[in-house]
Amino acid sequence: MDKTENKDIVSNEVTDSGEENDLVIKLKTPIDFEGEKHEKIDLSGLENVKASDMVAINRRLSRNGNVNVNQELTLEYALHMASYASNLPVEFFDQLPPYAALAVKSRVTNFLYGWE
């Protein structure tokens, strides 16, 4: 795959009204996981995350050795948040190609630090 193909691995989903939904990542190449093809990653569940869920993720990552001062800025934290928000196992996110994984990280981080 050349570099021009890499940048187009993910895009935002466009709703029926023509608006982009930043919390739904449309994958250019479907991901096969446990016999099911996934063409998009729906992170809209981030809107239901509570502080206690974030603390639980922090504790889980700390027990596993992620002691970064700003855990919420790490790829690992973003993948765990995405797992929680999408009801997909973290193993699904572990097998994403780099560009899709970084798109997930970007969307989670933007959601956490975005102001409405």
C-alpha atoms as a PDB file:
ATOM      1  CA  MET A   1       0.000   0.000   0.000  1.00  0.00           C
ATOM      2  CA  ASP A   2       1.436   3.376  -0.900  1.00  0.00           C
ATOM      3  CA  LYS A   3       1.233   6.499   1.257  1.00  0.00           C
ATOM      4  CA  THR A   4      -1.682   7.997  -0.671  1.00  0.00           C
ATOM      5  CA  GLU A   5      -3.836   4.995   0.259  1.00  0.00           C
ATOM      6  CA  ASN A   6      -2.900   5.164   3.960  1.00  0.00           C
ATOM      7  CA  LYS A   7      -4.422   8.555   4.615  1.00  0.00           C
ATOM      8  CA  ASP A   8      -7.850   7.397   3.429  1.00  0.00           C
ATOM      9  CA  ILE A   9      -8.324   4.431   5.751  1.00  0.00           C
ATOM     10  CA  VAL A  10     -10.969   6.183   7.866  1.00  0.00           C
ATOM     11  CA  SER A  11     -13.536   8.915   7.440  1.00  0.00           C
ATOM     12  CA  ASN A  12     -16.456  10.374   9.352  1.00  0.00           C
ATOM     13  CA  GLU A  13     -19.881   8.907   8.782  1.00  0.00           C
ATOM     14  CA  VAL A  14     -22.284  11.265   7.068  1.00  0.00           C
ATOM     15  CA  THR A  15     -25.835  11.306   8.453  1.00  0.00           C
ATOM     16  CA  ASP A  16     -28.997  11.376   6.344  1.00  0.00           C
ATOM     17  CA  SER A  17     -29.148  15.147   6.828  1.00  0.00           C
ATOM     18  CA  GLY A  18     -25.672  15.496   5.307  1.00  0.00           C
ATOM     19  CA  GLU A  19     -23.906  16.297   8.600  1.00  0.00           C
ATOM     20  CA  GLU A  20     -20.742  14.517   9.625  1.00  0.00           C
ATOM     21  CA  ASN A  21     -20.896  12.462  12.812  1.00  0.00           C
ATOM     22  CA  ASP A  22     -17.472  12.688  14.467  1.00  0.00           C
ATOM     23  CA  LEU A  23     -18.285   9.812  16.823  1.00  0.00           C
ATOM     24  CA  VAL A  24     -18.805   7.285  14.038  1.00  0.00           C
ATOM     25  CA  ILE A  25     -15.645   6.310  12.205  1.00  0.00           C
ATOM     26  CA  LYS A  26     -16.315   4.736   8.823  1.00  0.00           C
ATOM     27  CA  LEU A  27     -13.540   2.304   7.945  1.00  0.00           C
ATOM     28  CA  LYS A  28     -12.385   2.257   4.325  1.00  0.00           C
ATOM     29  CA  THR A  29     -11.440  -1.405   4.729  1.00  0.00           C
ATOM     30  CA  PRO A  30     -13.811  -3.523   6.864  1.00  0.00           C
ATOM     31  CA  ILE A  31     -12.294  -5.223   9.892  1.00  0.00           C
ATOM     32  CA  ASP A  32     -13.072  -8.920  10.367  1.00  0.00           C
ATOM     33  CA  PHE A  33     -13.364  -9.732  14.067  1.00  0.00           C
ATOM     34  CA  GLU A  34     -14.690 -13.006  15.451  1.00  0.00           C
ATOM     35  CA  GLY A  35     -16.410 -13.829  12.171  1.00  0.00           C
ATOM     36  CA  GLU A  36     -18.171 -10.485  11.860  1.00  0.00           C
ATOM     37  CA  LYS A  37     -17.250  -7.686   9.456  1.00  0.00           C
ATOM     38  CA  HIS A  38     -17.150  -4.198  10.951  1.00  0.00           C
ATOM     39  CA  GLU A  39     -17.387  -1.312   8.491  1.00  0.00           C
ATOM     40  CA  LYS A  40     -17.583   1.415  11.118  1.00  0.00           C
ATOM     41  CA  ILE A  41     -16.799   2.111  14.745  1.00  0.00           C
ATOM     42  CA  ASP A  42     -19.600   3.829  16.620  1.00  0.00           C
ATOM     43  CA  LEU A  43     -18.244   5.818  19.571  1.00  0.00           C
ATOM     44  CA  SER A  44     -21.518   7.607  20.351  1.00  0.00           C
ATOM     45  CA  GLY A  45     -21.561   5.722  23.657  1.00  0.00           C
ATOM     46  CA  LEU A  46     -18.910   8.196  24.844  1.00  0.00           C
ATOM     47  CA  GLU A  47     -21.803  10.522  25.611  1.00  0.00           C
ATOM     48  CA  ASN A  48     -22.899   8.105  28.378  1.00  0.00           C
ATOM     49  CA  VAL A  49     -19.483   7.703  30.054  1.00  0.00           C
ATOM     50  CA  LYS A  50     -19.340   8.808  33.666  1.00  0.00           C
ATOM     51  CA  ALA A  51     -16.357   9.861  35.738  1.00  0.00           C
ATOM     52  CA  SER A  52     -16.556   6.543  37.611  1.00  0.00           C
ATOM     53  CA  ASP A  53     -16.090   4.703  34.292  1.00  0.00           C
ATOM     54  CA  MET A  54     -13.004   6.773  33.561  1.00  0.00           C
ATOM     55  CA  VAL A  55     -11.602   6.011  37.018  1.00  0.00           C
ATOM     56  CA  ALA A  56     -12.203   2.297  36.464  1.00  0.00           C
ATOM     57  CA  ILE A  57     -10.293   2.456  33.176  1.00  0.00           C
ATOM     58  CA  ASN A  58      -7.449   4.378  34.884  1.00  0.00           C
ATOM     59  CA  ARG A  59      -7.236   1.726  37.597  1.00  0.00           C
ATOM     60  CA  ARG A  60      -7.254  -1.120  35.086  1.00  0.00           C
ATOM     61  CA  LEU A  61      -4.463   0.487  33.087  1.00  0.00           C
ATOM     62  CA  SER A  62      -2.430   1.260  36.216  1.00  0.00           C
ATOM     63  CA  ARG A  63      -2.661  -2.391  37.295  1.00  0.00           C
ATOM     64  CA  ASN A  64      -1.418  -3.357  33.826  1.00  0.00           C
ATOM     65  CA  GLY A  65       1.588  -1.050  34.074  1.00  0.00           C
ATOM     66  CA  ASN A  66       0.362   2.109  32.327  1.00  0.00           C
ATOM     67  CA  VAL A  67       1.391   4.708  34.894  1.00  0.00           C
ATOM     68  CA  ASN A  68       1.503   7.652  32.527  1.00  0.00           C
ATOM     69  CA  VAL A  69       0.644  10.899  34.336  1.00  0.00           C
ATOM     70  CA  ASN A  70      -1.838  11.783  31.587  1.00  0.00           C
ATOM     71  CA  GLN A  71      -3.346   8.378  30.863  1.00  0.00           C
ATOM     72  CA  GLU A  72      -6.241   9.953  28.977  1.00  0.00           C
ATOM     73  CA  LEU A  73      -3.764  11.057  26.290  1.00  0.00           C
ATOM     74  CA  THR A  74      -2.399   7.577  25.613  1.00  0.00           C
ATOM     75  CA  LEU A  75      -3.485   5.321  22.794  1.00  0.00           C
ATOM     76  CA  GLU A  76      -4.134   2.515  25.274  1.00  0.00           C
ATOM     77  CA  TYR A  77      -6.557   4.653  27.300  1.00  0.00           C
ATOM     78  CA  ALA A  78      -8.380   5.759  24.138  1.00  0.00           C
ATOM     79  CA  LEU A  79      -8.782   2.170  22.984  1.00  0.00           C
ATOM     80  CA  HIS A  80     -10.213   1.162  26.371  1.00  0.00           C
ATOM     81  CA  MET A  81     -12.610   4.118  26.293  1.00  0.00           C
ATOM     82  CA  ALA A  82     -13.647   3.158  22.760  1.00  0.00           C
ATOM     83  CA  SER A  83     -14.208  -0.403  23.899  1.00  0.00           C
ATOM     84  CA  TYR A  84     -16.468   0.809  26.697  1.00  0.00           C
ATOM     85  CA  ALA A  85     -18.336   3.237  24.425  1.00  0.00           C
ATOM     86  CA  SER A  86     -18.866   0.799  21.553  1.00  0.00           C
ATOM     87  CA  ASN A  87     -19.522  -2.405  23.527  1.00  0.00           C
ATOM     88  CA  LEU A  88     -16.787  -4.077  21.497  1.00  0.00           C
ATOM     89  CA  PRO A  89     -13.990  -5.937  23.303  1.00  0.00           C
ATOM     90  CA  VAL A  90     -10.649  -4.155  23.598  1.00  0.00           C
ATOM     91  CA  GLU A  91      -9.157  -6.999  21.544  1.00  0.00           C
ATOM     92  CA  PHE A  92     -11.079  -5.633  18.547  1.00  0.00           C
ATOM     93  CA  PHE A  93      -9.290  -2.309  18.936  1.00  0.00           C
ATOM     94  CA  ASP A  94      -5.914  -3.975  19.528  1.00  0.00           C
ATOM     95  CA  GLN A  95      -5.970  -5.382  15.995  1.00  0.00           C
ATOM     96  CA  LEU A  96      -6.809  -2.123  14.203  1.00  0.00           C
ATOM     97  CA  PRO A  97      -4.333  -0.836  11.638  1.00  0.00           C
ATOM     98  CA  PRO A  98      -2.313   2.173  12.856  1.00  0.00           C
ATOM     99  CA  TYR A  99      -4.319   4.836  11.020  1.00  0.00           C
ATOM    100  CA  ALA A 100      -7.645   3.540  12.327  1.00  0.00           C
ATOM    101  CA  ALA A 101      -6.231   3.253  15.861  1.00  0.00           C
ATOM    102  CA  LEU A 102      -5.020   6.848  15.727  1.00  0.00           C
ATOM    103  CA  ALA A 103      -8.397   7.975  14.376  1.00  0.00           C
ATOM    104  CA  VAL A 104     -10.019   6.342  17.420  1.00  0.00           C
ATOM    105  CA  LYS A 105      -7.520   8.044  19.715  1.00  0.00           C
ATOM    106  CA  SER A 106      -8.160  11.392  18.062  1.00  0.00           C
ATOM    107  CA  ARG A 107     -11.950  11.099  18.369  1.00  0.00           C
ATOM    108  CA  VAL A 108     -11.805  10.004  22.019  1.00  0.00           C
ATOM    109  CA  THR A 109      -9.331  12.735  22.968  1.00  0.00           C
ATOM    110  CA  ASN A 110     -11.303  15.392  21.093  1.00  0.00           C
ATOM    111  CA  PHE A 111     -14.469  14.249  22.835  1.00  0.00           C
ATOM    112  CA  LEU A 112     -12.845  14.356  26.275  1.00  0.00           C
ATOM    113  CA  TYR A 113     -11.254  17.763  25.812  1.00  0.00           C
ATOM    114  CA  GLY A 114     -13.896  19.348  23.579  1.00  0.00           C
ATOM    115  CA  TRP A 115     -16.048  22.138  24.933  1.00  0.00           C
ATOM    116  CA  GLU A 116     -19.669  22.539  23.974  1.00  0.00           C
END
